Amino acid sequence: MKLFLKPGACSLSPHIVLQESGLKYETETVDLKAKVTASGADYRAFNPNGYVPALLLDSGELLTEGAAIVQYLADLVPEKKLAPVNGTIERYRLQSWLSFIGTELHKSFTPFFNPAASEDWKAGARANLERRLPYTDQQLAGKPYLMGDDFTVADAYLFTVLNWAKPVGLDLGKWTNLVAFQARVAARPAVQAVLKAEGLV
């Protein structure tokens, strides 16, 4: 398998999941402005949407969208408990978290990385983060990870998104559970390996 990524972008989440899974994989970076891969290929030939992440399977099929990719990977290694079993209420709770992180947190960070974003757009996005992050903080009270004791793909996604707080000037300090969560996930050997591979530490 090959993961197309941009260091520090949302593709960090499936990169972490791949490393946690123990599956064999390779990565290739993408210049998202030029839509060219590190090997010089036209990225749109792989992924017409032109953004990351995208996972090229050994079969030649391409899987896109982070929430789908991480669940696919988790299901390849059920023994790692990166996602609850399909069909269980716990799996739907995981999907709920993936949706929440994607729509309420990830999308609210988007304007800060968009040169065309107006100040009003950014202010609205910051206000949404200020509303949603306290809830996320509360949900982590008394447990190490979103789903409880087991690290899951939702934690990889939340960790990735929260990493954008500092670059956009959002201080997470008032949400102590989020701060502890970030430190806990960052200390995982697989996460450390990925952060080093992407040049983020």
N, C-alpha and C. Protein backbone atom coordinates (compact mmCIF):
# COMPACT_ATOMS: atom_id res chain seq x y z
N MET A 1 0.84 -1.19 0.00
CA MET A 1 0.00 0.00 0.00
C MET A 1 0.88 1.24 0.00
N LYS A 2 0.34 2.29 -0.60
CA LYS A 2 1.06 3.57 -0.60
C LYS A 2 0.11 4.68 -0.16
N LEU A 3 0.54 5.46 0.84
CA LEU A 3 -0.23 6.59 1.31
C LEU A 3 0.35 7.87 0.72
N PHE A 4 -0.50 8.61 0.02
CA PHE A 4 -0.11 9.93 -0.47
C PHE A 4 -0.43 10.94 0.63
N LEU A 5 0.55 11.77 0.95
CA LEU A 5 0.40 12.67 2.09
C LEU A 5 1.08 14.00 1.88
N LYS A 6 0.73 14.94 2.72
CA LYS A 6 1.45 16.20 2.89
C LYS A 6 1.81 16.27 4.36
N PRO A 7 3.07 16.46 4.71
CA PRO A 7 3.45 16.48 6.12
C PRO A 7 2.62 17.45 6.95
N GLY A 8 2.09 16.94 8.07
CA GLY A 8 1.32 17.76 8.99
C GLY A 8 -0.13 17.98 8.61
N ALA A 9 -0.51 17.60 7.41
CA ALA A 9 -1.90 17.77 6.97
C ALA A 9 -2.77 16.66 7.55
N CYS A 10 -4.02 16.60 7.12
CA CYS A 10 -4.94 15.59 7.67
C CYS A 10 -4.50 14.16 7.33
N SER A 11 -3.61 14.02 6.36
CA SER A 11 -3.06 12.70 6.03
C SER A 11 -2.19 12.14 7.16
N LEU A 12 -1.86 12.98 8.13
CA LEU A 12 -1.12 12.49 9.30
C LEU A 12 -1.91 11.40 10.03
N SER A 13 -3.23 11.54 10.04
CA SER A 13 -4.07 10.58 10.74
C SER A 13 -3.93 9.15 10.17
N PRO A 14 -4.16 8.92 8.88
CA PRO A 14 -3.96 7.57 8.36
C PRO A 14 -2.50 7.11 8.41
N HIS A 15 -1.56 8.06 8.37
CA HIS A 15 -0.15 7.70 8.50
C HIS A 15 0.10 7.09 9.88
N ILE A 16 -0.48 7.72 10.91
CA ILE A 16 -0.36 7.18 12.27
C ILE A 16 -1.01 5.81 12.35
N VAL A 17 -2.20 5.67 11.77
CA VAL A 17 -2.91 4.39 11.82
C VAL A 17 -2.12 3.30 11.10
N LEU A 18 -1.53 3.62 9.98
CA LEU A 18 -0.69 2.64 9.27
C LEU A 18 0.46 2.18 10.15
N GLN A 19 1.10 3.13 10.82
CA GLN A 19 2.24 2.77 11.68
C GLN A 19 1.78 1.95 12.87
N GLU A 20 0.66 2.32 13.46
CA GLU A 20 0.11 1.56 14.58
C GLU A 20 -0.31 0.15 14.16
N SER A 21 -0.74 0.00 12.92
CA SER A 21 -1.27 -1.28 12.45
C SER A 21 -0.21 -2.35 12.28
N GLY A 22 1.03 -1.92 12.00
CA GLY A 22 2.08 -2.88 11.72
C GLY A 22 2.05 -3.40 10.29
N LEU A 23 1.14 -2.90 9.48
CA LEU A 23 1.04 -3.32 8.08
C LEU A 23 2.20 -2.74 7.27
N LYS A 24 2.54 -3.41 6.20
CA LYS A 24 3.61 -2.93 5.32
C LYS A 24 3.04 -1.82 4.43
N TYR A 25 3.75 -0.70 4.36
CA TYR A 25 3.28 0.41 3.54
C TYR A 25 4.45 1.30 3.14
N GLU A 26 4.19 2.16 2.17
CA GLU A 26 5.13 3.21 1.81
C GLU A 26 4.36 4.51 1.70
N THR A 27 5.07 5.61 1.68
CA THR A 27 4.43 6.91 1.57
C THR A 27 5.05 7.70 0.42
N GLU A 28 4.30 8.64 -0.07
CA GLU A 28 4.81 9.58 -1.07
C GLU A 28 4.17 10.93 -0.81
N THR A 29 5.01 11.95 -0.73
CA THR A 29 4.49 13.29 -0.47
C THR A 29 3.93 13.90 -1.76
N VAL A 30 3.04 14.84 -1.55
CA VAL A 30 2.37 15.51 -2.67
C VAL A 30 2.51 17.02 -2.50
N ASP A 31 2.89 17.69 -3.58
CA ASP A 31 2.85 19.15 -3.64
C ASP A 31 1.42 19.51 -4.02
N LEU A 32 0.64 19.95 -3.05
CA LEU A 32 -0.79 20.16 -3.28
C LEU A 32 -1.08 21.35 -4.18
N LYS A 33 -0.16 22.31 -4.24
CA LYS A 33 -0.37 23.45 -5.15
C LYS A 33 -0.13 23.02 -6.59
N ALA A 34 0.97 22.31 -6.82
CA ALA A 34 1.31 21.88 -8.18
C ALA A 34 0.60 20.60 -8.59
N LYS A 35 0.04 19.88 -7.59
CA LYS A 35 -0.63 18.59 -7.83
C LYS A 35 0.35 17.57 -8.43
N VAL A 36 1.57 17.56 -7.89
CA VAL A 36 2.61 16.67 -8.36
C VAL A 36 3.16 15.88 -7.17
N THR A 37 3.39 14.59 -7.37
CA THR A 37 3.95 13.76 -6.30
C THR A 37 5.46 13.93 -6.26
N ALA A 38 6.06 13.43 -5.19
CA ALA A 38 7.51 13.54 -5.03
C ALA A 38 8.27 12.86 -6.16
N SER A 39 7.67 11.86 -6.78
CA SER A 39 8.32 11.16 -7.89
C SER A 39 8.09 11.85 -9.22
N GLY A 40 7.34 12.97 -9.19
CA GLY A 40 7.12 13.74 -10.41
C GLY A 40 5.85 13.39 -11.17
N ALA A 41 5.02 12.52 -10.58
CA ALA A 41 3.79 12.10 -11.25
C ALA A 41 2.68 13.14 -11.05
N ASP A 42 1.75 13.17 -11.98
CA ASP A 42 0.58 14.02 -11.88
C ASP A 42 -0.35 13.39 -10.84
N TYR A 43 -0.49 14.07 -9.70
CA TYR A 43 -1.29 13.50 -8.61
C TYR A 43 -2.74 13.32 -9.01
N ARG A 44 -3.25 14.20 -9.87
CA ARG A 44 -4.65 14.09 -10.28
C ARG A 44 -4.91 12.81 -11.08
N ALA A 45 -3.85 12.21 -11.61
CA ALA A 45 -4.02 10.93 -12.30
C ALA A 45 -4.38 9.83 -11.30
N PHE A 46 -3.95 10.00 -10.05
CA PHE A 46 -4.30 9.05 -8.99
C PHE A 46 -5.60 9.47 -8.33
N ASN A 47 -5.66 10.74 -7.97
CA ASN A 47 -6.80 11.26 -7.22
C ASN A 47 -7.31 12.53 -7.89
N PRO A 48 -8.39 12.44 -8.66
CA PRO A 48 -8.92 13.61 -9.36
C PRO A 48 -9.26 14.78 -8.45
N ASN A 49 -9.54 14.52 -7.17
CA ASN A 49 -9.85 15.61 -6.24
C ASN A 49 -8.61 16.44 -5.92
N GLY A 50 -7.44 15.84 -6.04
CA GLY A 50 -6.20 16.58 -5.87
C GLY A 50 -5.78 16.89 -4.45
N TYR A 51 -6.48 16.31 -3.46
CA TYR A 51 -6.07 16.55 -2.09
C TYR A 51 -5.69 15.24 -1.40
N VAL A 52 -5.13 15.35 -0.21
CA VAL A 52 -4.72 14.18 0.56
C VAL A 52 -5.70 14.02 1.73
N PRO A 53 -5.77 12.80 2.30
CA PRO A 53 -4.99 11.60 1.97
C PRO A 53 -5.64 10.78 0.87
N ALA A 54 -4.82 9.92 0.29
CA ALA A 54 -5.30 8.90 -0.63
C ALA A 54 -4.45 7.66 -0.42
N LEU A 55 -5.08 6.51 -0.42
CA LEU A 55 -4.37 5.26 -0.18
C LEU A 55 -4.48 4.39 -1.43
N LEU A 56 -3.33 4.12 -2.04
CA LEU A 56 -3.29 3.25 -3.21
C LEU A 56 -3.11 1.81 -2.72
N LEU A 57 -4.10 0.98 -2.97
CA LEU A 57 -4.08 -0.40 -2.49
C LEU A 57 -3.23 -1.26 -3.42
N ASP A 58 -2.81 -2.40 -2.91
CA ASP A 58 -1.99 -3.31 -3.71
C ASP A 58 -2.74 -3.79 -4.95
N SER A 59 -4.07 -3.77 -4.90
CA SER A 59 -4.89 -4.18 -6.04
C SER A 59 -4.91 -3.14 -7.15
N GLY A 60 -4.39 -1.93 -6.84
CA GLY A 60 -4.44 -0.84 -7.80
C GLY A 60 -5.61 0.10 -7.58
N GLU A 61 -6.52 -0.28 -6.67
CA GLU A 61 -7.65 0.59 -6.35
C GLU A 61 -7.19 1.72 -5.44
N LEU A 62 -7.89 2.85 -5.54
CA LEU A 62 -7.57 4.00 -4.70
C LEU A 62 -8.70 4.25 -3.72
N LEU A 63 -8.33 4.45 -2.46
CA LEU A 63 -9.30 4.78 -1.42
C LEU A 63 -9.00 6.19 -0.95
N THR A 64 -10.03 7.04 -0.92
CA THR A 64 -9.85 8.42 -0.48
C THR A 64 -10.74 8.70 0.73
N GLU A 65 -10.53 9.85 1.32
CA GLU A 65 -11.24 10.36 2.51
C GLU A 65 -10.72 9.66 3.77
N GLY A 66 -10.18 10.49 4.66
CA GLY A 66 -9.51 9.98 5.84
C GLY A 66 -10.32 9.03 6.69
N ALA A 67 -11.60 9.35 6.94
CA ALA A 67 -12.42 8.50 7.81
C ALA A 67 -12.61 7.12 7.21
N ALA A 68 -12.74 7.04 5.90
CA ALA A 68 -12.88 5.74 5.24
C ALA A 68 -11.56 4.97 5.26
N ILE A 69 -10.47 5.67 5.00
CA ILE A 69 -9.15 5.02 4.96
C ILE A 69 -8.80 4.41 6.31
N VAL A 70 -8.99 5.18 7.39
CA VAL A 70 -8.57 4.67 8.70
C VAL A 70 -9.41 3.48 9.14
N GLN A 71 -10.70 3.48 8.79
CA GLN A 71 -11.53 2.32 9.16
C GLN A 71 -11.16 1.10 8.33
N TYR A 72 -10.85 1.30 7.07
CA TYR A 72 -10.39 0.20 6.23
C TYR A 72 -9.14 -0.43 6.84
N LEU A 73 -8.19 0.42 7.22
CA LEU A 73 -6.94 -0.08 7.79
C LEU A 73 -7.19 -0.81 9.11
N ALA A 74 -8.03 -0.24 9.96
CA ALA A 74 -8.33 -0.86 11.24
C ALA A 74 -8.93 -2.25 11.06
N ASP A 75 -9.79 -2.39 10.05
CA ASP A 75 -10.45 -3.68 9.83
C ASP A 75 -9.49 -4.74 9.28
N LEU A 76 -8.35 -4.31 8.76
CA LEU A 76 -7.35 -5.28 8.29
C LEU A 76 -6.62 -5.95 9.46
N VAL A 77 -6.60 -5.27 10.60
CA VAL A 77 -5.87 -5.78 11.77
C VAL A 77 -6.77 -5.69 13.02
N PRO A 78 -7.86 -6.46 13.05
CA PRO A 78 -8.80 -6.36 14.18
C PRO A 78 -8.16 -6.60 15.53
N GLU A 79 -7.09 -7.39 15.54
CA GLU A 79 -6.43 -7.69 16.80
C GLU A 79 -5.79 -6.46 17.44
N LYS A 80 -5.57 -5.41 16.67
CA LYS A 80 -4.97 -4.18 17.20
C LYS A 80 -6.01 -3.29 17.91
N LYS A 81 -7.27 -3.60 17.73
CA LYS A 81 -8.37 -2.85 18.36
C LYS A 81 -8.35 -1.36 18.01
N LEU A 82 -7.98 -1.06 16.76
CA LEU A 82 -7.97 0.33 16.31
C LEU A 82 -9.37 0.84 15.98
N ALA A 83 -10.31 -0.07 15.89
CA ALA A 83 -11.73 0.27 15.71
C ALA A 83 -12.56 -0.87 16.28
N PRO A 84 -13.68 -0.55 16.90
CA PRO A 84 -14.57 -1.61 17.37
C PRO A 84 -15.10 -2.43 16.20
N VAL A 85 -15.61 -3.58 16.50
CA VAL A 85 -16.12 -4.50 15.48
C VAL A 85 -17.31 -3.88 14.74
N ASN A 86 -17.33 -4.08 13.42
CA ASN A 86 -18.46 -3.60 12.62
C ASN A 86 -19.78 -4.15 13.13
N GLY A 87 -20.81 -3.31 13.11
CA GLY A 87 -22.14 -3.73 13.52
C GLY A 87 -22.44 -3.53 14.98
N THR A 88 -21.43 -3.19 15.77
CA THR A 88 -21.64 -2.95 17.21
C THR A 88 -21.95 -1.48 17.45
N ILE A 89 -22.59 -1.19 18.55
CA ILE A 89 -22.89 0.21 18.89
C ILE A 89 -21.60 0.99 19.08
N GLU A 90 -20.55 0.31 19.56
CA GLU A 90 -19.27 0.99 19.74
C GLU A 90 -18.71 1.46 18.41
N ARG A 91 -18.94 0.67 17.34
CA ARG A 91 -18.44 1.10 16.02
C ARG A 91 -19.17 2.35 15.55
N TYR A 92 -20.45 2.42 15.83
CA TYR A 92 -21.20 3.60 15.43
C TYR A 92 -20.79 4.81 16.26
N ARG A 93 -20.40 4.58 17.51
CA ARG A 93 -19.88 5.68 18.32
C ARG A 93 -18.55 6.18 17.74
N LEU A 94 -17.72 5.26 17.28
CA LEU A 94 -16.47 5.64 16.62
C LEU A 94 -16.77 6.48 15.38
N GLN A 95 -17.73 6.04 14.58
CA GLN A 95 -18.08 6.79 13.37
C GLN A 95 -18.66 8.16 13.73
N SER A 96 -19.36 8.22 14.84
CA SER A 96 -19.86 9.50 15.32
C SER A 96 -18.71 10.45 15.63
N TRP A 97 -17.68 9.92 16.30
CA TRP A 97 -16.51 10.74 16.59
C TRP A 97 -15.80 11.18 15.31
N LEU A 98 -15.64 10.28 14.37
CA LEU A 98 -14.97 10.64 13.11
C LEU A 98 -15.74 11.74 12.39
N SER A 99 -17.07 11.65 12.41
CA SER A 99 -17.90 12.68 11.78
C SER A 99 -17.78 14.01 12.52
N PHE A 100 -17.83 13.95 13.84
CA PHE A 100 -17.72 15.17 14.64
C PHE A 100 -16.38 15.86 14.41
N ILE A 101 -15.31 15.09 14.47
CA ILE A 101 -13.98 15.68 14.27
C ILE A 101 -13.88 16.29 12.88
N GLY A 102 -14.41 15.57 11.89
CA GLY A 102 -14.31 16.05 10.51
C GLY A 102 -15.13 17.31 10.25
N THR A 103 -16.35 17.34 10.74
CA THR A 103 -17.24 18.45 10.41
C THR A 103 -17.16 19.62 11.37
N GLU A 104 -16.96 19.33 12.65
CA GLU A 104 -16.98 20.39 13.64
C GLU A 104 -15.59 20.95 13.98
N LEU A 105 -14.57 20.12 13.91
CA LEU A 105 -13.22 20.58 14.26
C LEU A 105 -12.36 20.79 13.01
N HIS A 106 -12.17 19.75 12.22
CA HIS A 106 -11.32 19.85 11.02
C HIS A 106 -11.75 21.02 10.15
N LYS A 107 -13.02 21.07 9.79
CA LYS A 107 -13.51 22.11 8.89
C LYS A 107 -13.39 23.50 9.50
N SER A 108 -13.42 23.59 10.82
CA SER A 108 -13.28 24.89 11.46
C SER A 108 -11.85 25.40 11.44
N PHE A 109 -10.89 24.51 11.24
CA PHE A 109 -9.50 24.94 11.09
C PHE A 109 -9.19 25.35 9.65
N THR A 110 -9.99 24.89 8.71
CA THR A 110 -9.71 25.10 7.29
C THR A 110 -9.46 26.55 6.90
N PRO A 111 -10.28 27.51 7.35
CA PRO A 111 -10.06 28.89 6.91
C PRO A 111 -8.69 29.45 7.25
N PHE A 112 -8.09 28.97 8.33
CA PHE A 112 -6.80 29.50 8.76
C PHE A 112 -5.66 29.10 7.83
N PHE A 113 -5.92 28.11 6.98
CA PHE A 113 -4.91 27.67 6.02
C PHE A 113 -5.28 28.06 4.59
N ASN A 114 -6.34 28.84 4.47
CA ASN A 114 -6.83 29.26 3.15
C ASN A 114 -6.50 30.74 2.96
N PRO A 115 -5.58 31.07 2.05
CA PRO A 115 -5.20 32.47 1.85
C PRO A 115 -6.37 33.37 1.44
N ALA A 116 -7.40 32.77 0.86
CA ALA A 116 -8.55 33.56 0.40
C ALA A 116 -9.59 33.76 1.49
N ALA A 117 -9.39 33.17 2.67
CA ALA A 117 -10.39 33.26 3.73
C ALA A 117 -10.47 34.67 4.30
N SER A 118 -11.67 35.17 4.45
CA SER A 118 -11.88 36.50 5.03
C SER A 118 -11.71 36.44 6.54
N GLU A 119 -11.52 37.60 7.15
CA GLU A 119 -11.39 37.66 8.60
C GLU A 119 -12.70 37.26 9.28
N ASP A 120 -13.82 37.57 8.64
CA ASP A 120 -15.11 37.17 9.19
C ASP A 120 -15.24 35.65 9.22
N TRP A 121 -14.79 35.00 8.15
CA TRP A 121 -14.84 33.54 8.06
C TRP A 121 -13.99 32.94 9.18
N LYS A 122 -12.79 33.49 9.33
CA LYS A 122 -11.88 32.99 10.37
C LYS A 122 -12.48 33.20 11.77
N ALA A 123 -13.10 34.35 11.97
CA ALA A 123 -13.69 34.63 13.28
C ALA A 123 -14.83 33.66 13.58
N GLY A 124 -15.63 33.35 12.58
CA GLY A 124 -16.71 32.40 12.76
C GLY A 124 -16.19 31.01 13.05
N ALA A 125 -15.12 30.64 12.36
CA ALA A 125 -14.52 29.33 12.57
C ALA A 125 -13.91 29.22 13.96
N ARG A 126 -13.25 30.28 14.41
CA ARG A 126 -12.67 30.28 15.75
C ARG A 126 -13.76 30.17 16.81
N ALA A 127 -14.87 30.86 16.59
CA ALA A 127 -15.99 30.80 17.54
C ALA A 127 -16.55 29.38 17.60
N ASN A 128 -16.61 28.70 16.46
CA ASN A 128 -17.11 27.33 16.47
C ASN A 128 -16.17 26.41 17.24
N LEU A 129 -14.86 26.59 17.04
CA LEU A 129 -13.89 25.79 17.79
C LEU A 129 -14.02 26.04 19.30
N GLU A 130 -14.25 27.30 19.67
CA GLU A 130 -14.41 27.64 21.08
C GLU A 130 -15.66 26.99 21.68
N ARG A 131 -16.65 26.68 20.83
CA ARG A 131 -17.85 26.00 21.29
C ARG A 131 -17.67 24.48 21.35
N ARG A 132 -16.94 23.93 20.38
CA ARG A 132 -16.84 22.47 20.26
C ARG A 132 -15.70 21.86 21.08
N LEU A 133 -14.64 22.59 21.28
CA LEU A 133 -13.50 22.02 22.02
C LEU A 133 -13.82 21.75 23.49
N PRO A 134 -14.62 22.58 24.17
CA PRO A 134 -14.98 22.24 25.55
C PRO A 134 -15.71 20.90 25.65
N TYR A 135 -16.59 20.63 24.70
CA TYR A 135 -17.29 19.34 24.69
C TYR A 135 -16.29 18.20 24.52
N THR A 136 -15.36 18.36 23.60
CA THR A 136 -14.35 17.33 23.36
C THR A 136 -13.51 17.10 24.61
N ASP A 137 -13.15 18.20 25.26
CA ASP A 137 -12.39 18.13 26.51
C ASP A 137 -13.16 17.35 27.57
N GLN A 138 -14.44 17.64 27.72
CA GLN A 138 -15.28 16.97 28.72
C GLN A 138 -15.37 15.46 28.45
N GLN A 139 -15.42 15.10 27.18
CA GLN A 139 -15.56 13.69 26.82
C GLN A 139 -14.30 12.88 27.13
N LEU A 140 -13.20 13.56 27.31
CA LEU A 140 -11.94 12.88 27.66
C LEU A 140 -11.69 12.82 29.16
N ALA A 141 -12.59 13.39 29.94
CA ALA A 141 -12.41 13.38 31.39
C ALA A 141 -12.42 11.95 31.93
N GLY A 142 -11.38 11.60 32.66
CA GLY A 142 -11.33 10.30 33.31
C GLY A 142 -11.01 9.13 32.41
N LYS A 143 -10.62 9.38 31.17
CA LYS A 143 -10.24 8.27 30.30
C LYS A 143 -9.11 8.71 29.37
N PRO A 144 -8.25 7.78 28.98
CA PRO A 144 -7.10 8.16 28.17
C PRO A 144 -7.42 8.49 26.72
N TYR A 145 -8.46 7.84 26.17
CA TYR A 145 -8.77 8.02 24.75
C TYR A 145 -10.27 8.23 24.56
N LEU A 146 -10.66 8.66 23.38
CA LEU A 146 -12.06 8.98 23.12
C LEU A 146 -13.01 7.82 23.40
N MET A 147 -12.57 6.59 23.06
CA MET A 147 -13.43 5.43 23.23
C MET A 147 -13.18 4.69 24.53
N GLY A 148 -12.29 5.22 25.36
CA GLY A 148 -11.99 4.55 26.62
C GLY A 148 -10.52 4.22 26.75
N ASP A 149 -10.22 2.96 27.07
CA ASP A 149 -8.83 2.56 27.32
C ASP A 149 -8.04 2.28 26.04
N ASP A 150 -8.73 1.97 24.94
CA ASP A 150 -8.05 1.60 23.71
C ASP A 150 -7.85 2.79 22.78
N PHE A 151 -6.64 2.94 22.27
CA PHE A 151 -6.35 3.93 21.24
C PHE A 151 -7.02 3.48 19.95
N THR A 152 -7.79 4.37 19.32
CA THR A 152 -8.48 4.04 18.07
C THR A 152 -8.15 5.06 16.99
N VAL A 153 -8.69 4.78 15.81
CA VAL A 153 -8.47 5.68 14.68
C VAL A 153 -9.03 7.08 14.94
N ALA A 154 -10.06 7.19 15.79
CA ALA A 154 -10.60 8.51 16.13
C ALA A 154 -9.57 9.34 16.89
N ASP A 155 -8.77 8.69 17.71
CA ASP A 155 -7.73 9.40 18.45
C ASP A 155 -6.64 9.92 17.51
N ALA A 156 -6.31 9.14 16.51
CA ALA A 156 -5.32 9.58 15.52
C ALA A 156 -5.81 10.83 14.81
N TYR A 157 -7.11 10.87 14.49
CA TYR A 157 -7.68 12.01 13.79
C TYR A 157 -7.75 13.23 14.71
N LEU A 158 -8.21 13.03 15.94
CA LEU A 158 -8.28 14.16 16.87
C LEU A 158 -6.89 14.73 17.13
N PHE A 159 -5.92 13.88 17.34
CA PHE A 159 -4.55 14.33 17.57
C PHE A 159 -4.06 15.18 16.40
N THR A 160 -4.33 14.72 15.19
CA THR A 160 -3.91 15.43 13.98
C THR A 160 -4.52 16.83 13.93
N VAL A 161 -5.81 16.91 14.16
CA VAL A 161 -6.51 18.19 14.07
C VAL A 161 -6.07 19.15 15.18
N LEU A 162 -5.92 18.64 16.39
CA LEU A 162 -5.50 19.50 17.50
C LEU A 162 -4.08 20.02 17.32
N ASN A 163 -3.28 19.33 16.53
CA ASN A 163 -1.92 19.80 16.25
C ASN A 163 -1.92 21.12 15.49
N TRP A 164 -3.03 21.47 14.88
CA TRP A 164 -3.11 22.72 14.12
C TRP A 164 -3.41 23.92 15.00
N ALA A 165 -3.72 23.69 16.27
CA ALA A 165 -4.11 24.79 17.15
C ALA A 165 -2.96 25.80 17.30
N LYS A 166 -1.78 25.33 17.60
CA LYS A 166 -0.67 26.24 17.84
C LYS A 166 -0.33 27.09 16.61
N PRO A 167 -0.22 26.50 15.41
CA PRO A 167 0.10 27.32 14.24
C PRO A 167 -0.92 28.42 13.93
N VAL A 168 -2.18 28.22 14.35
CA VAL A 168 -3.20 29.24 14.08
C VAL A 168 -3.45 30.13 15.29
N GLY A 169 -2.65 29.97 16.34
CA GLY A 169 -2.75 30.85 17.50
C GLY A 169 -3.88 30.53 18.45
N LEU A 170 -4.29 29.26 18.48
CA LEU A 170 -5.35 28.85 19.40
C LEU A 170 -4.70 28.12 20.58
N ASP A 171 -4.83 28.68 21.77
CA ASP A 171 -4.23 28.10 22.97
C ASP A 171 -5.17 27.05 23.57
N LEU A 172 -4.70 25.81 23.60
CA LEU A 172 -5.50 24.71 24.15
C LEU A 172 -5.38 24.62 25.68
N GLY A 173 -4.54 25.47 26.27
CA GLY A 173 -4.21 25.36 27.68
C GLY A 173 -5.38 25.30 28.64
N LYS A 174 -6.48 25.97 28.30
CA LYS A 174 -7.62 25.97 29.22
C LYS A 174 -8.40 24.67 29.20
N TRP A 175 -8.10 23.79 28.27
CA TRP A 175 -8.76 22.49 28.17
C TRP A 175 -7.74 21.43 28.56
N THR A 176 -7.64 21.18 29.85
CA THR A 176 -6.55 20.36 30.38
C THR A 176 -6.61 18.90 29.89
N ASN A 177 -7.81 18.40 29.67
CA ASN A 177 -7.91 17.02 29.16
C ASN A 177 -7.37 16.91 27.73
N LEU A 178 -7.60 17.95 26.93
CA LEU A 178 -7.06 17.95 25.57
C LEU A 178 -5.54 18.03 25.58
N VAL A 179 -5.01 18.85 26.46
CA VAL A 179 -3.55 18.98 26.57
C VAL A 179 -2.93 17.64 26.97
N ALA A 180 -3.54 16.99 27.95
CA ALA A 180 -3.03 15.69 28.41
C ALA A 180 -3.17 14.64 27.30
N PHE A 181 -4.27 14.69 26.60
CA PHE A 181 -4.50 13.77 25.48
C PHE A 181 -3.42 13.93 24.41
N GLN A 182 -3.13 15.17 24.05
CA GLN A 182 -2.12 15.40 23.01
C GLN A 182 -0.76 14.85 23.44
N ALA A 183 -0.40 15.08 24.68
CA ALA A 183 0.88 14.58 25.19
C ALA A 183 0.90 13.05 25.21
N ARG A 184 -0.21 12.46 25.61
CA ARG A 184 -0.33 11.00 25.70
C ARG A 184 -0.17 10.35 24.32
N VAL A 185 -0.88 10.91 23.33
CA VAL A 185 -0.81 10.35 21.98
C VAL A 185 0.57 10.59 21.37
N ALA A 186 1.12 11.77 21.58
CA ALA A 186 2.43 12.10 21.02
C ALA A 186 3.52 11.17 21.54
N ALA A 187 3.33 10.65 22.75
CA ALA A 187 4.34 9.78 23.35
C ALA A 187 4.30 8.35 22.82
N ARG A 188 3.25 7.99 22.10
CA ARG A 188 3.16 6.63 21.56
C ARG A 188 4.29 6.40 20.56
N PRO A 189 4.98 5.27 20.63
CA PRO A 189 6.11 5.02 19.72
C PRO A 189 5.75 5.16 18.24
N ALA A 190 4.58 4.66 17.85
CA ALA A 190 4.18 4.76 16.44
C ALA A 190 3.99 6.21 16.03
N VAL A 191 3.43 7.01 16.92
CA VAL A 191 3.20 8.42 16.62
C VAL A 191 4.53 9.16 16.53
N GLN A 192 5.44 8.85 17.44
CA GLN A 192 6.77 9.45 17.38
C GLN A 192 7.46 9.13 16.06
N ALA A 193 7.35 7.88 15.63
CA ALA A 193 7.97 7.47 14.37
C ALA A 193 7.40 8.24 13.19
N VAL A 194 6.10 8.44 13.18
CA VAL A 194 5.45 9.16 12.08
C VAL A 194 5.80 10.64 12.11
N LEU A 195 5.79 11.25 13.28
CA LEU A 195 6.15 12.65 13.39
C LEU A 195 7.57 12.89 12.89
N LYS A 196 8.47 11.98 13.20
CA LYS A 196 9.85 12.10 12.72
C LYS A 196 9.91 11.90 11.21
N ALA A 197 9.16 10.91 10.70
CA ALA A 197 9.15 10.64 9.26
C ALA A 197 8.63 11.83 8.47
N GLU A 198 7.68 12.58 9.04
CA GLU A 198 7.10 13.72 8.34
C GLU A 198 7.84 15.03 8.64
N GLY A 199 8.93 14.92 9.45
CA GLY A 199 9.72 16.11 9.76
C GLY A 199 9.03 17.08 10.69
N LEU A 200 8.14 16.57 11.55
CA LEU A 200 7.36 17.42 12.44
C LEU A 200 7.96 17.54 13.82
N VAL A 201 8.99 16.74 14.12
CA VAL A 201 9.73 16.87 15.39
C VAL A 201 11.21 16.85 15.10
